[in-house]
């Protein structure tokens, strides 16, 4: 099943339930890029791969972050992690650079079979300290991930200065040719739901992106999202949220949601 490069016009929602209640949502844009087609995406006035444009995508921003071919890197991870042999394509869902500026707190590597069904997801998280961690989510029997299926993983990576590095994530993924929905809930060590987050939106062909659209809509929404995130952090501080110092990052770089599977270290 051939998958075309897409732009995701999305909405992001965060809701903190305790000890300080805080909620917000904002529009934002992501790219959904099939890695098999990266070298065939032609630059336009509004978008380009590995070069400057109003909106751009740089391979060095993701995975090993050294500029190497992301398709090859994903194939290596697929082999090392023992993912389903049914996987035929990898789609990277990531935020574009805007005017050359990179803001990429989260990205999602969707491993798809020939029918376009999600067989595994590698959830790439970056914090403001330049650190990265990957959470691998897959079905225990390597079956396609159903839209209502809940996959769990321990929280082992420090992201927010107002949350401890502990607890448990619960993931849900729904991806089709025209929509994307990802829900991630955080439960504390006492199994109380503490944070609700979601990313959802419609997909449109990337080739339809024009320079004017990039400037007036997508780029401005990304810049606004960055400002909103810092504004929400300030609101939590004013509400009296306790500041959590960053612990030393763990050596493990990929955490598998299946305890019986091997945990890998990314060099």
C-alpha atoms as a PDB file:
ATOM      1  CA  UNK A   1       0.000   0.000   0.000  1.00  0.00           C
ATOM      2  CA  UNK A   2       1.661   3.218  -1.180  1.00  0.00           C
ATOM      3  CA  UNK A   3       1.383   6.095   1.288  1.00  0.00           C
ATOM      4  CA  UNK A   4       1.821   9.672   0.098  1.00  0.00           C
ATOM      5  CA  UNK A   5       3.575  12.353   2.185  1.00  0.00           C
ATOM      6  CA  UNK A   6       0.962  14.235   4.185  1.00  0.00           C
ATOM      7  CA  UNK A   7       0.539  17.336   6.305  1.00  0.00           C
ATOM      8  CA  UNK A   8      -1.388  16.818   9.549  1.00  0.00           C
ATOM      9  CA  UNK A   9      -3.509  19.764  10.647  1.00  0.00           C
ATOM     10  CA  UNK A  10      -3.789  18.794  14.274  1.00  0.00           C
ATOM     11  CA  UNK A  11      -4.982  19.841  17.690  1.00  0.00           C
ATOM     12  CA  UNK A  12      -2.954  19.095  20.813  1.00  0.00           C
ATOM     13  CA  UNK A  13      -4.601  18.840  24.243  1.00  0.00           C
ATOM     14  CA  UNK A  14      -2.988  18.619  27.687  1.00  0.00           C
ATOM     15  CA  UNK A  15      -4.908  18.289  30.941  1.00  0.00           C
ATOM     16  CA  UNK A  16      -3.199  17.956  34.319  1.00  0.00           C
ATOM     17  CA  UNK A  17      -5.544  16.533  36.955  1.00  0.00           C
ATOM     18  CA  UNK A  18      -3.559  16.966  40.183  1.00  0.00           C
ATOM     19  CA  UNK A  19      -2.058  18.302  42.386  1.00  0.00           C
ATOM     20  CA  UNK A  20      -2.634  21.515  40.400  1.00  0.00           C
ATOM     21  CA  UNK A  21      -5.367  21.346  37.757  1.00  0.00           C
ATOM     22  CA  UNK A  22      -4.373  22.888  34.441  1.00  0.00           C
ATOM     23  CA  UNK A  23      -5.651  22.349  30.888  1.00  0.00           C
ATOM     24  CA  UNK A  24      -5.002  23.803  27.458  1.00  0.00           C
ATOM     25  CA  UNK A  25      -5.234  22.989  23.765  1.00  0.00           C
ATOM     26  CA  UNK A  26      -3.794  24.527  20.628  1.00  0.00           C
ATOM     27  CA  UNK A  27      -3.646  23.938  16.860  1.00  0.00           C
ATOM     28  CA  UNK A  28      -0.382  22.707  15.393  1.00  0.00           C
ATOM     29  CA  UNK A  29       0.931  21.044  12.250  1.00  0.00           C
ATOM     30  CA  UNK A  30       2.875  17.816  11.829  1.00  0.00           C
ATOM     31  CA  UNK A  31       4.349  16.071   8.815  1.00  0.00           C
ATOM     32  CA  UNK A  32       3.578  12.419   8.044  1.00  0.00           C
ATOM     33  CA  UNK A  33       6.478  11.290   5.851  1.00  0.00           C
ATOM     34  CA  UNK A  34       6.886   7.745   4.468  1.00  0.00           C
ATOM     35  CA  UNK A  35      10.628   7.165   4.768  1.00  0.00           C
ATOM     36  CA  UNK A  36      10.748   5.161   1.530  1.00  0.00           C
ATOM     37  CA  UNK A  37       9.818   8.348  -0.325  1.00  0.00           C
ATOM     38  CA  UNK A  38      12.002  10.975   1.368  1.00  0.00           C
ATOM     39  CA  UNK A  39      14.449  11.161  -1.522  1.00  0.00           C
ATOM     40  CA  UNK A  40      11.589  11.585  -4.005  1.00  0.00           C
ATOM     41  CA  UNK A  41       9.914  14.578  -2.346  1.00  0.00           C
ATOM     42  CA  UNK A  42      10.661  17.562  -4.552  1.00  0.00           C
ATOM     43  CA  UNK A  43      11.268  20.977  -2.965  1.00  0.00           C
ATOM     44  CA  UNK A  44       8.685  23.720  -3.492  1.00  0.00           C
ATOM     45  CA  UNK A  45       8.334  27.327  -2.384  1.00  0.00           C
ATOM     46  CA  UNK A  46       6.673  26.143   0.830  1.00  0.00           C
ATOM     47  CA  UNK A  47       8.520  22.963   1.791  1.00  0.00           C
ATOM     48  CA  UNK A  48      11.830  21.127   1.364  1.00  0.00           C
ATOM     49  CA  UNK A  49      13.767  18.132   2.695  1.00  0.00           C
ATOM     50  CA  UNK A  50      17.256  18.689   4.153  1.00  0.00           C
ATOM     51  CA  UNK A  51      17.444  22.288   2.978  1.00  0.00           C
ATOM     52  CA  UNK A  52      16.083  25.664   4.043  1.00  0.00           C
ATOM     53  CA  UNK A  53      12.436  26.522   3.289  1.00  0.00           C
ATOM     54  CA  UNK A  54       9.533  28.183   5.057  1.00  0.00           C
ATOM     55  CA  UNK A  55       8.677  24.692   6.270  1.00  0.00           C
ATOM     56  CA  UNK A  56      11.379  22.035   6.134  1.00  0.00           C
ATOM     57  CA  UNK A  57      12.347  18.617   7.384  1.00  0.00           C
ATOM     58  CA  UNK A  58      15.894  17.673   8.402  1.00  0.00           C
ATOM     59  CA  UNK A  59      16.889  14.051   8.863  1.00  0.00           C
ATOM     60  CA  UNK A  60      19.483  15.116  11.436  1.00  0.00           C
ATOM     61  CA  UNK A  61      16.670  16.187  13.791  1.00  0.00           C
ATOM     62  CA  UNK A  62      15.473  12.622  14.377  1.00  0.00           C
ATOM     63  CA  UNK A  63      16.586   9.104  15.216  1.00  0.00           C
ATOM     64  CA  UNK A  64      20.395   9.060  15.572  1.00  0.00           C
ATOM     65  CA  UNK A  65      20.483  12.853  14.980  1.00  0.00           C
ATOM     66  CA  UNK A  66      23.628  12.639  12.885  1.00  0.00           C
ATOM     67  CA  UNK A  67      22.147  13.165   9.418  1.00  0.00           C
ATOM     68  CA  UNK A  68      22.266   9.529   8.348  1.00  0.00           C
ATOM     69  CA  UNK A  69      19.450   8.021   6.259  1.00  0.00           C
ATOM     70  CA  UNK A  70      16.425   7.634   8.533  1.00  0.00           C
ATOM     71  CA  UNK A  71      15.014   4.817   6.419  1.00  0.00           C
ATOM     72  CA  UNK A  72      18.148   2.722   7.029  1.00  0.00           C
ATOM     73  CA  UNK A  73      18.150   3.606  10.722  1.00  0.00           C
ATOM     74  CA  UNK A  74      14.499   2.554  11.077  1.00  0.00           C
ATOM     75  CA  UNK A  75      15.178  -0.725   9.261  1.00  0.00           C
ATOM     76  CA  UNK A  76      18.046  -1.437  11.648  1.00  0.00           C
ATOM     77  CA  UNK A  77      15.836  -0.762  14.671  1.00  0.00           C
ATOM     78  CA  UNK A  78      13.146  -3.003  13.174  1.00  0.00           C
ATOM     79  CA  UNK A  79      15.622  -5.859  12.921  1.00  0.00           C
ATOM     80  CA  UNK A  80      17.280  -5.335  16.314  1.00  0.00           C
ATOM     81  CA  UNK A  81      13.960  -5.012  18.155  1.00  0.00           C
ATOM     82  CA  UNK A  82      12.435  -8.038  16.476  1.00  0.00           C
ATOM     83  CA  UNK A  83       9.423  -6.208  15.089  1.00  0.00           C
ATOM     84  CA  UNK A  84       6.786  -7.890  12.925  1.00  0.00           C
ATOM     85  CA  UNK A  85       8.076  -9.225   9.579  1.00  0.00           C
ATOM     86  CA  UNK A  86       4.832  -7.890   8.076  1.00  0.00           C
ATOM     87  CA  UNK A  87       6.131  -4.296   8.259  1.00  0.00           C
ATOM     88  CA  UNK A  88       6.397  -2.761   4.798  1.00  0.00           C
ATOM     89  CA  UNK A  89       6.704   0.985   5.440  1.00  0.00           C
ATOM     90  CA  UNK A  90       7.690   3.417   8.167  1.00  0.00           C
ATOM     91  CA  UNK A  91       5.923   6.778   8.408  1.00  0.00           C
ATOM     92  CA  UNK A  92       7.567   9.421  10.574  1.00  0.00           C
ATOM     93  CA  UNK A  93       5.101  11.876  12.115  1.00  0.00           C
ATOM     94  CA  UNK A  94       7.093  14.931  13.192  1.00  0.00           C
ATOM     95  CA  UNK A  95       6.885  18.686  13.458  1.00  0.00           C
ATOM     96  CA  UNK A  96       8.483  20.617  10.586  1.00  0.00           C
ATOM     97  CA  UNK A  97      11.156  23.221  11.002  1.00  0.00           C
ATOM     98  CA  UNK A  98       9.724  26.731  10.692  1.00  0.00           C
ATOM     99  CA  UNK A  99      12.003  29.353   9.114  1.00  0.00           C
ATOM    100  CA  UNK A 100      14.792  26.865   9.857  1.00  0.00           C
ATOM    101  CA  UNK A 101      13.941  26.668  13.572  1.00  0.00           C
ATOM    102  CA  UNK A 102      13.477  23.183  15.049  1.00  0.00           C
ATOM    103  CA  UNK A 103      10.942  22.564  17.814  1.00  0.00           C
ATOM    104  CA  UNK A 104      10.400  18.826  18.202  1.00  0.00           C
ATOM    105  CA  UNK A 105       9.257  17.666  21.655  1.00  0.00           C
ATOM    106  CA  UNK A 106       7.694  14.475  20.254  1.00  0.00           C
ATOM    107  CA  UNK A 107       7.761  12.433  17.055  1.00  0.00           C
ATOM    108  CA  UNK A 108       6.164   9.111  16.157  1.00  0.00           C
ATOM    109  CA  UNK A 109       7.661   6.369  13.989  1.00  0.00           C
ATOM    110  CA  UNK A 110       4.705   4.339  12.661  1.00  0.00           C
ATOM    111  CA  UNK A 111       5.649   0.868  11.395  1.00  0.00           C
ATOM    112  CA  UNK A 112       2.956  -0.160   8.890  1.00  0.00           C
ATOM    113  CA  UNK A 113       2.129  -3.371   7.048  1.00  0.00           C
ATOM    114  CA  UNK A 114       1.048  -3.690   3.409  1.00  0.00           C
ATOM    115  CA  UNK A 115      -2.529  -2.818   4.361  1.00  0.00           C
ATOM    116  CA  UNK A 116      -1.443   0.411   6.068  1.00  0.00           C
ATOM    117  CA  UNK A 117      -2.190  -0.958   9.542  1.00  0.00           C
ATOM    118  CA  UNK A 118       0.057   0.036  12.437  1.00  0.00           C
ATOM    119  CA  UNK A 119       2.181  -2.883  13.684  1.00  0.00           C
ATOM    120  CA  UNK A 120       4.415  -0.908  16.048  1.00  0.00           C
ATOM    121  CA  UNK A 121       5.099   2.680  17.126  1.00  0.00           C
ATOM    122  CA  UNK A 122       8.416   4.132  18.237  1.00  0.00           C
ATOM    123  CA  UNK A 123       7.558   7.224  20.283  1.00  0.00           C
ATOM    124  CA  UNK A 124      10.537   9.629  20.242  1.00  0.00           C
ATOM    125  CA  UNK A 125      10.622  12.135  23.122  1.00  0.00           C
ATOM    126  CA  UNK A 126      13.031  15.057  23.481  1.00  0.00           C
ATOM    127  CA  UNK A 127      13.410  17.244  26.543  1.00  0.00           C
ATOM    128  CA  UNK A 128      14.795  20.774  26.846  1.00  0.00           C
ATOM    129  CA  UNK A 129      18.142  19.416  28.085  1.00  0.00           C
ATOM    130  CA  UNK A 130      19.045  17.917  24.706  1.00  0.00           C
ATOM    131  CA  UNK A 131      18.199  14.358  25.775  1.00  0.00           C
ATOM    132  CA  UNK A 132      16.135  11.785  23.858  1.00  0.00           C
ATOM    133  CA  UNK A 133      14.300   8.595  24.748  1.00  0.00           C
ATOM    134  CA  UNK A 134      12.233   6.138  22.697  1.00  0.00           C
ATOM    135  CA  UNK A 135       9.197   4.183  23.888  1.00  0.00           C
ATOM    136  CA  UNK A 136       8.435   1.157  21.710  1.00  0.00           C
ATOM    137  CA  UNK A 137       4.742   0.165  21.581  1.00  0.00           C
ATOM    138  CA  UNK A 138       3.537  -3.053  19.970  1.00  0.00           C
ATOM    139  CA  UNK A 139       0.984  -5.814  20.414  1.00  0.00           C
ATOM    140  CA  UNK A 140       2.230  -8.803  22.374  1.00  0.00           C
ATOM    141  CA  UNK A 141       1.412 -11.116  19.430  1.00  0.00           C
ATOM    142  CA  UNK A 142       2.668  -8.547  16.864  1.00  0.00           C
ATOM    143  CA  UNK A 143      -0.844  -8.111  15.511  1.00  0.00           C
ATOM    144  CA  UNK A 144      -2.002  -4.770  14.087  1.00  0.00           C
ATOM    145  CA  UNK A 145      -2.614  -2.225  16.848  1.00  0.00           C
ATOM    146  CA  UNK A 146      -6.362  -1.612  17.153  1.00  0.00           C
ATOM    147  CA  UNK A 147      -7.603   1.964  17.554  1.00  0.00           C
ATOM    148  CA  UNK A 148      -9.089   1.149  20.977  1.00  0.00           C
ATOM    149  CA  UNK A 149      -6.137  -0.921  22.188  1.00  0.00           C
ATOM    150  CA  UNK A 150      -4.258   0.349  25.243  1.00  0.00           C
ATOM    151  CA  UNK A 151      -0.505  -0.204  25.373  1.00  0.00           C
ATOM    152  CA  UNK A 152       1.422   0.555  28.541  1.00  0.00           C
ATOM    153  CA  UNK A 153       5.008   1.506  29.363  1.00  0.00           C
ATOM    154  CA  UNK A 154       6.834   2.695  32.462  1.00  0.00           C
ATOM    155  CA  UNK A 155       7.843   6.355  32.501  1.00  0.00           C
ATOM    156  CA  UNK A 156      11.662   6.354  32.574  1.00  0.00           C
ATOM    157  CA  UNK A 157      12.498   9.723  30.971  1.00  0.00           C
ATOM    158  CA  UNK A 158      12.386  13.192  32.518  1.00  0.00           C
ATOM    159  CA  UNK A 159      10.385  15.701  30.459  1.00  0.00           C
ATOM    160  CA  UNK A 160       8.404  18.194  32.552  1.00  0.00           C
ATOM    161  CA  UNK A 161      10.020  20.066  35.447  1.00  0.00           C
ATOM    162  CA  UNK A 162       6.684  19.665  37.270  1.00  0.00           C
ATOM    163  CA  UNK A 163       6.390  15.870  37.039  1.00  0.00           C
ATOM    164  CA  UNK A 164       8.424  13.095  38.632  1.00  0.00           C
ATOM    165  CA  UNK A 165      10.236  10.539  36.495  1.00  0.00           C
ATOM    166  CA  UNK A 166       7.967   7.738  37.626  1.00  0.00           C
ATOM    167  CA  UNK A 167       4.596   6.228  36.915  1.00  0.00           C
ATOM    168  CA  UNK A 168       3.127   4.580  33.859  1.00  0.00           C
ATOM    169  CA  UNK A 169       2.043   5.685  30.370  1.00  0.00           C
ATOM    170  CA  UNK A 170      -1.000   4.323  28.571  1.00  0.00           C
ATOM    171  CA  UNK A 171      -0.944   4.803  24.790  1.00  0.00           C
ATOM    172  CA  UNK A 172      -3.621   4.590  22.083  1.00  0.00           C
ATOM    173  CA  UNK A 173      -2.904   4.994  18.373  1.00  0.00           C
ATOM    174  CA  UNK A 174      -5.263   5.405  15.401  1.00  0.00           C
ATOM    175  CA  UNK A 175      -3.810   6.108  11.952  1.00  0.00           C
ATOM    176  CA  UNK A 176      -5.506   5.907   8.550  1.00  0.00           C
ATOM    177  CA  UNK A 177      -4.962   7.516   5.153  1.00  0.00           C
ATOM    178  CA  UNK A 178      -6.860  10.644   6.217  1.00  0.00           C
ATOM    179  CA  UNK A 179      -6.677  10.932  10.020  1.00  0.00           C
ATOM    180  CA  UNK A 180      -4.358  10.571  12.989  1.00  0.00           C
ATOM    181  CA  UNK A 181      -5.251  10.263  16.669  1.00  0.00           C
ATOM    182  CA  UNK A 182      -2.780   9.579  19.480  1.00  0.00           C
ATOM    183  CA  UNK A 183      -3.727   9.576  23.159  1.00  0.00           C
ATOM    184  CA  UNK A 184      -1.204   9.310  25.985  1.00  0.00           C
ATOM    185  CA  UNK A 185      -2.276   9.241  29.627  1.00  0.00           C
ATOM    186  CA  UNK A 186       0.119   9.323  32.578  1.00  0.00           C
ATOM    187  CA  UNK A 187      -0.657   7.472  35.814  1.00  0.00           C
ATOM    188  CA  UNK A 188       1.392   8.030  38.960  1.00  0.00           C
ATOM    189  CA  UNK A 189       2.936   5.278  41.075  1.00  0.00           C
ATOM    190  CA  UNK A 190      -0.362   4.900  42.964  1.00  0.00           C
ATOM    191  CA  UNK A 191      -2.175   4.259  39.644  1.00  0.00           C
ATOM    192  CA  UNK A 192      -3.987   7.620  39.735  1.00  0.00           C
ATOM    193  CA  UNK A 193      -4.454   9.309  36.368  1.00  0.00           C
ATOM    194  CA  UNK A 194      -2.400  12.496  36.521  1.00  0.00           C
ATOM    195  CA  UNK A 195      -2.079  13.767  32.952  1.00  0.00           C
ATOM    196  CA  UNK A 196      -4.202  13.409  29.808  1.00  0.00           C
ATOM    197  CA  UNK A 197      -2.719  14.307  26.422  1.00  0.00           C
ATOM    198  CA  UNK A 198      -3.900  13.876  22.855  1.00  0.00           C
ATOM    199  CA  UNK A 199      -2.907  14.723  19.314  1.00  0.00           C
ATOM    200  CA  UNK A 200      -5.556  14.454  16.622  1.00  0.00           C
ATOM    201  CA  UNK A 201      -6.037  15.816  13.156  1.00  0.00           C
ATOM    202  CA  UNK A 202      -6.792  15.391   9.479  1.00  0.00           C
ATOM    203  CA  UNK A 203      -4.220  14.559   6.815  1.00  0.00           C
ATOM    204  CA  UNK A 204      -3.902  16.430   3.533  1.00  0.00           C
ATOM    205  CA  UNK A 205      -1.474  15.896   0.633  1.00  0.00           C
ATOM    206  CA  UNK A 206       1.823  17.627   1.293  1.00  0.00           C
ATOM    207  CA  UNK A 207       2.101  18.693  -2.338  1.00  0.00           C
ATOM    208  CA  UNK A 208      -0.830  21.061  -1.794  1.00  0.00           C
ATOM    209  CA  UNK A 209       1.145  23.154   0.708  1.00  0.00           C
ATOM    210  CA  UNK A 210       1.770  26.618  -0.704  1.00  0.00           C
ATOM    211  CA  UNK A 211       4.162  29.292   0.522  1.00  0.00           C
ATOM    212  CA  UNK A 212       1.350  31.600   1.594  1.00  0.00           C
ATOM    213  CA  UNK A 213      -0.312  28.815   3.581  1.00  0.00           C
ATOM    214  CA  UNK A 214       2.976  27.972   5.244  1.00  0.00           C
ATOM    215  CA  UNK A 215       3.506  31.533   6.413  1.00  0.00           C
ATOM    216  CA  UNK A 216      -0.024  32.435   7.415  1.00  0.00           C
ATOM    217  CA  UNK A 217      -1.140  29.212   9.066  1.00  0.00           C
ATOM    218  CA  UNK A 218       1.269  26.375   9.724  1.00  0.00           C
ATOM    219  CA  UNK A 219       4.342  28.342  10.707  1.00  0.00           C
ATOM    220  CA  UNK A 220       2.427  30.758  12.910  1.00  0.00           C
ATOM    221  CA  UNK A 221       0.588  27.936  14.698  1.00  0.00           C
ATOM    222  CA  UNK A 222       3.912  26.252  15.506  1.00  0.00           C
ATOM    223  CA  UNK A 223       5.390  29.460  16.914  1.00  0.00           C
ATOM    224  CA  UNK A 224       2.186  30.072  18.896  1.00  0.00           C
ATOM    225  CA  UNK A 225       2.381  26.529  20.305  1.00  0.00           C
ATOM    226  CA  UNK A 226       5.912  27.144  21.559  1.00  0.00           C
ATOM    227  CA  UNK A 227       4.812  30.325  23.328  1.00  0.00           C
ATOM    228  CA  UNK A 228       1.750  28.610  24.794  1.00  0.00           C
ATOM    229  CA  UNK A 229       3.803  25.766  26.253  1.00  0.00           C
ATOM    230  CA  UNK A 230       6.052  28.215  28.103  1.00  0.00           C
ATOM    231  CA  UNK A 231       3.008  30.204  29.217  1.00  0.00           C
ATOM    232  CA  UNK A 232       1.432  27.064  30.683  1.00  0.00           C
ATOM    233  CA  UNK A 233       4.661  26.277  32.531  1.00  0.00           C
ATOM    234  CA  UNK A 234       4.553  29.760  34.054  1.00  0.00           C
ATOM    235  CA  UNK A 235       0.918  29.236  35.114  1.00  0.00           C
ATOM    236  CA  UNK A 236       1.826  25.984  36.866  1.00  0.00           C
ATOM    237  CA  UNK A 237       4.650  27.740  38.676  1.00  0.00           C
ATOM    238  CA  UNK A 238       2.271  30.487  39.834  1.00  0.00           C
ATOM    239  CA  UNK A 239      -0.220  27.843  41.019  1.00  0.00           C
ATOM    240  CA  UNK A 240       2.473  26.429  43.267  1.00  0.00           C
ATOM    241  CA  UNK A 241       3.479  23.319  41.325  1.00  0.00           C
ATOM    242  CA  UNK A 242       6.573  21.743  42.869  1.00  0.00           C
ATOM    243  CA  UNK A 243       9.709  21.996  40.740  1.00  0.00           C
ATOM    244  CA  UNK A 244      11.373  18.635  40.043  1.00  0.00           C
ATOM    245  CA  UNK A 245      15.117  18.711  39.429  1.00  0.00           C
ATOM    246  CA  UNK A 246      16.264  16.715  36.414  1.00  0.00           C
ATOM    247  CA  UNK A 247      17.710  13.321  37.390  1.00  0.00           C
ATOM    248  CA  UNK A 248      20.572  11.758  35.455  1.00  0.00           C
ATOM    249  CA  UNK A 249      19.277  10.130  32.294  1.00  0.00           C
ATOM    250  CA  UNK A 250      19.158   6.334  32.352  1.00  0.00           C
ATOM    251  CA  UNK A 251      21.478   4.377  30.062  1.00  0.00           C
ATOM    252  CA  UNK A 252      18.588   2.650  28.298  1.00  0.00           C
ATOM    253  CA  UNK A 253      17.477   4.656  25.257  1.00  0.00           C
ATOM    254  CA  UNK A 254      14.671   2.426  23.971  1.00  0.00           C
ATOM    255  CA  UNK A 255      12.051   1.094  26.384  1.00  0.00           C
ATOM    256  CA  UNK A 256       9.913  -1.791  25.151  1.00  0.00           C
ATOM    257  CA  UNK A 257       6.304  -1.887  26.339  1.00  0.00           C
ATOM    258  CA  UNK A 258       6.579  -5.687  26.550  1.00  0.00           C
ATOM    259  CA  UNK A 259       8.556  -6.653  29.688  1.00  0.00           C
ATOM    260  CA  UNK A 260       9.497 -10.010  28.162  1.00  0.00           C
ATOM    261  CA  UNK A 261      11.291  -8.326  25.250  1.00  0.00           C
ATOM    262  CA  UNK A 262      14.880  -7.121  25.228  1.00  0.00           C
ATOM    263  CA  UNK A 263      15.593  -3.469  25.992  1.00  0.00           C
ATOM    264  CA  UNK A 264      18.002  -1.850  23.600  1.00  0.00           C
ATOM    265  CA  UNK A 265      20.585   0.911  24.064  1.00  0.00           C
ATOM    266  CA  UNK A 266      20.914   3.397  21.230  1.00  0.00           C
ATOM    267  CA  UNK A 267      24.498   4.509  20.672  1.00  0.00           C
END
